[in-house]
N, C-alpha and C. Protein backbone atom coordinates (compact mmCIF):
# COMPACT_ATOMS: atom_id res chain seq x y z
N MET A 1 0.84 -1.19 0.00
CA MET A 1 0.00 0.00 0.00
C MET A 1 0.87 1.25 0.00
N SER A 2 0.36 2.27 -0.60
CA SER A 2 1.11 3.52 -0.62
C SER A 2 0.90 4.29 0.68
N ARG A 3 1.72 5.31 0.88
CA ARG A 3 1.58 6.15 2.07
C ARG A 3 0.51 7.21 1.78
N LYS A 4 -0.74 6.75 1.82
CA LYS A 4 -1.87 7.60 1.49
C LYS A 4 -3.04 7.23 2.38
N CYS A 5 -3.78 8.22 2.83
CA CYS A 5 -4.96 7.98 3.66
C CYS A 5 -6.05 7.35 2.80
N ALA A 6 -6.66 6.26 3.30
CA ALA A 6 -7.68 5.56 2.54
C ALA A 6 -8.99 6.32 2.50
N VAL A 7 -9.23 7.24 3.43
CA VAL A 7 -10.49 7.96 3.49
C VAL A 7 -10.41 9.29 2.74
N THR A 8 -9.43 10.12 3.09
CA THR A 8 -9.34 11.47 2.51
C THR A 8 -8.41 11.57 1.32
N GLY A 9 -7.51 10.59 1.16
CA GLY A 9 -6.57 10.64 0.04
C GLY A 9 -5.36 11.52 0.31
N LYS A 10 -5.17 11.94 1.56
CA LYS A 10 -4.00 12.74 1.90
C LYS A 10 -2.73 11.94 1.63
N SER A 11 -1.73 12.61 1.06
CA SER A 11 -0.46 11.96 0.82
C SER A 11 0.66 12.92 1.22
N ARG A 12 1.89 12.52 0.95
CA ARG A 12 3.03 13.33 1.38
C ARG A 12 3.11 14.65 0.63
N GLN A 13 3.73 15.64 1.27
CA GLN A 13 3.97 16.94 0.65
C GLN A 13 5.47 17.18 0.57
N VAL A 14 5.88 17.94 -0.41
CA VAL A 14 7.29 18.25 -0.59
C VAL A 14 7.50 19.72 -0.26
N GLY A 15 8.58 20.00 0.48
CA GLY A 15 8.90 21.37 0.85
C GLY A 15 10.39 21.53 1.01
N TYR A 16 10.78 22.58 1.70
CA TYR A 16 12.19 22.88 1.90
C TYR A 16 12.53 22.90 3.38
N LYS A 17 13.74 22.41 3.69
CA LYS A 17 14.33 22.59 5.01
C LYS A 17 15.16 23.85 4.89
N VAL A 18 14.89 24.87 5.72
CA VAL A 18 15.56 26.17 5.59
C VAL A 18 16.46 26.36 6.79
N SER A 19 17.75 26.57 6.53
CA SER A 19 18.72 26.76 7.60
C SER A 19 18.71 28.22 8.06
N HIS A 20 19.47 28.47 9.11
CA HIS A 20 19.58 29.83 9.64
C HIS A 20 20.20 30.77 8.60
N ALA A 21 21.07 30.23 7.75
CA ALA A 21 21.70 31.02 6.69
C ALA A 21 20.81 31.09 5.43
N ASN A 22 19.57 30.61 5.55
CA ASN A 22 18.57 30.63 4.48
C ASN A 22 18.94 29.72 3.31
N ASN A 23 19.75 28.66 3.58
CA ASN A 23 20.01 27.64 2.57
C ASN A 23 18.79 26.72 2.52
N LYS A 24 18.35 26.36 1.32
CA LYS A 24 17.16 25.52 1.17
C LYS A 24 17.53 24.17 0.57
N THR A 25 17.11 23.10 1.25
CA THR A 25 17.28 21.75 0.73
C THR A 25 15.92 21.07 0.76
N LYS A 26 15.66 20.26 -0.27
CA LYS A 26 14.37 19.59 -0.38
C LYS A 26 14.16 18.60 0.76
N ARG A 27 12.92 18.48 1.21
CA ARG A 27 12.55 17.49 2.22
C ARG A 27 11.12 17.05 1.99
N VAL A 28 10.70 16.02 2.71
CA VAL A 28 9.37 15.44 2.52
C VAL A 28 8.63 15.49 3.85
N PHE A 29 7.38 15.91 3.81
CA PHE A 29 6.49 15.88 4.97
C PHE A 29 5.56 14.70 4.78
N ASN A 30 5.78 13.62 5.53
CA ASN A 30 4.94 12.43 5.40
C ASN A 30 3.66 12.57 6.21
N VAL A 31 2.65 11.82 5.82
CA VAL A 31 1.37 11.82 6.51
C VAL A 31 1.49 10.94 7.75
N ASN A 32 0.84 11.35 8.84
CA ASN A 32 0.84 10.59 10.08
C ASN A 32 -0.23 9.49 9.97
N LEU A 33 0.17 8.33 9.42
CA LEU A 33 -0.78 7.25 9.16
C LEU A 33 -0.88 6.29 10.33
N ARG A 34 -2.09 5.77 10.54
CA ARG A 34 -2.37 4.76 11.55
C ARG A 34 -3.12 3.63 10.86
N VAL A 35 -2.83 2.40 11.24
CA VAL A 35 -3.58 1.26 10.73
C VAL A 35 -4.76 1.04 11.65
N VAL A 36 -5.97 1.11 11.08
CA VAL A 36 -7.21 1.03 11.86
C VAL A 36 -8.06 -0.10 11.31
N ARG A 37 -8.71 -0.81 12.20
CA ARG A 37 -9.62 -1.86 11.79
C ARG A 37 -11.02 -1.27 11.73
N ILE A 38 -11.66 -1.35 10.55
CA ILE A 38 -13.02 -0.81 10.40
C ILE A 38 -13.97 -1.95 10.09
N THR A 39 -15.25 -1.75 10.43
CA THR A 39 -16.28 -2.73 10.15
C THR A 39 -17.06 -2.29 8.92
N LEU A 40 -17.16 -3.17 7.96
CA LEU A 40 -17.89 -2.87 6.73
C LEU A 40 -19.38 -3.14 6.93
N GLY A 41 -20.17 -2.78 5.93
CA GLY A 41 -21.62 -2.92 6.02
C GLY A 41 -22.09 -4.35 6.17
N ASP A 42 -21.35 -5.31 5.62
CA ASP A 42 -21.76 -6.71 5.71
C ASP A 42 -21.29 -7.39 6.99
N GLY A 43 -20.65 -6.63 7.89
CA GLY A 43 -20.21 -7.19 9.17
C GLY A 43 -18.77 -7.63 9.20
N SER A 44 -18.10 -7.70 8.06
CA SER A 44 -16.70 -8.10 8.04
C SER A 44 -15.81 -6.90 8.41
N THR A 45 -14.59 -7.20 8.84
CA THR A 45 -13.67 -6.14 9.22
C THR A 45 -12.51 -6.10 8.25
N ARG A 46 -11.90 -4.92 8.13
CA ARG A 46 -10.76 -4.74 7.23
C ARG A 46 -9.83 -3.71 7.84
N LYS A 47 -8.52 -3.92 7.67
CA LYS A 47 -7.54 -2.97 8.14
C LYS A 47 -7.24 -1.97 7.03
N VAL A 48 -7.27 -0.67 7.36
CA VAL A 48 -6.96 0.38 6.40
C VAL A 48 -6.03 1.38 7.04
N LYS A 49 -5.27 2.10 6.20
CA LYS A 49 -4.40 3.16 6.69
C LYS A 49 -5.17 4.47 6.66
N VAL A 50 -5.24 5.14 7.81
CA VAL A 50 -5.99 6.38 7.94
C VAL A 50 -5.08 7.41 8.60
N ALA A 51 -5.15 8.66 8.13
CA ALA A 51 -4.37 9.74 8.74
C ALA A 51 -4.91 10.04 10.14
N ALA A 52 -4.04 10.44 11.04
CA ALA A 52 -4.43 10.73 12.42
C ALA A 52 -5.42 11.89 12.46
N SER A 53 -5.26 12.88 11.59
CA SER A 53 -6.19 14.00 11.56
C SER A 53 -7.58 13.55 11.11
N THR A 54 -7.64 12.57 10.22
CA THR A 54 -8.92 12.02 9.78
C THR A 54 -9.60 11.26 10.90
N LEU A 55 -8.81 10.53 11.68
CA LEU A 55 -9.37 9.81 12.83
C LEU A 55 -10.01 10.76 13.82
N ARG A 56 -9.35 11.89 14.07
CA ARG A 56 -9.90 12.89 14.98
C ARG A 56 -11.26 13.39 14.47
N THR A 57 -11.32 13.66 13.18
CA THR A 57 -12.55 14.15 12.58
C THR A 57 -13.66 13.10 12.66
N LEU A 58 -13.32 11.84 12.37
CA LEU A 58 -14.32 10.77 12.42
C LEU A 58 -14.84 10.58 13.83
N ARG A 59 -13.98 10.69 14.82
CA ARG A 59 -14.43 10.53 16.21
C ARG A 59 -15.31 11.70 16.65
N LYS A 60 -15.03 12.91 16.14
CA LYS A 60 -15.88 14.06 16.48
C LYS A 60 -17.27 13.89 15.89
N THR A 61 -17.36 13.41 14.66
CA THR A 61 -18.65 13.30 13.99
C THR A 61 -19.46 12.11 14.49
N SER A 62 -18.80 11.10 15.08
CA SER A 62 -19.54 9.92 15.53
C SER A 62 -20.17 10.12 16.90
N LYS A 63 -19.84 11.19 17.61
CA LYS A 63 -20.42 11.43 18.94
C LYS A 63 -21.85 11.90 18.87
């Protein structure tokens, strides 16, 4: 599986690491993924990769 959220589709972003002398080198900001077990409509369970920010949102909406 790729490093991508299964619900929102969030993936890595590319940016720069900037030093005090303002030198810029490329770097990658990876998504904070968690493996979560979800229950499907037919009662079976499946493990999916979900971003931590998405989990927070899902827990807020399920209350």
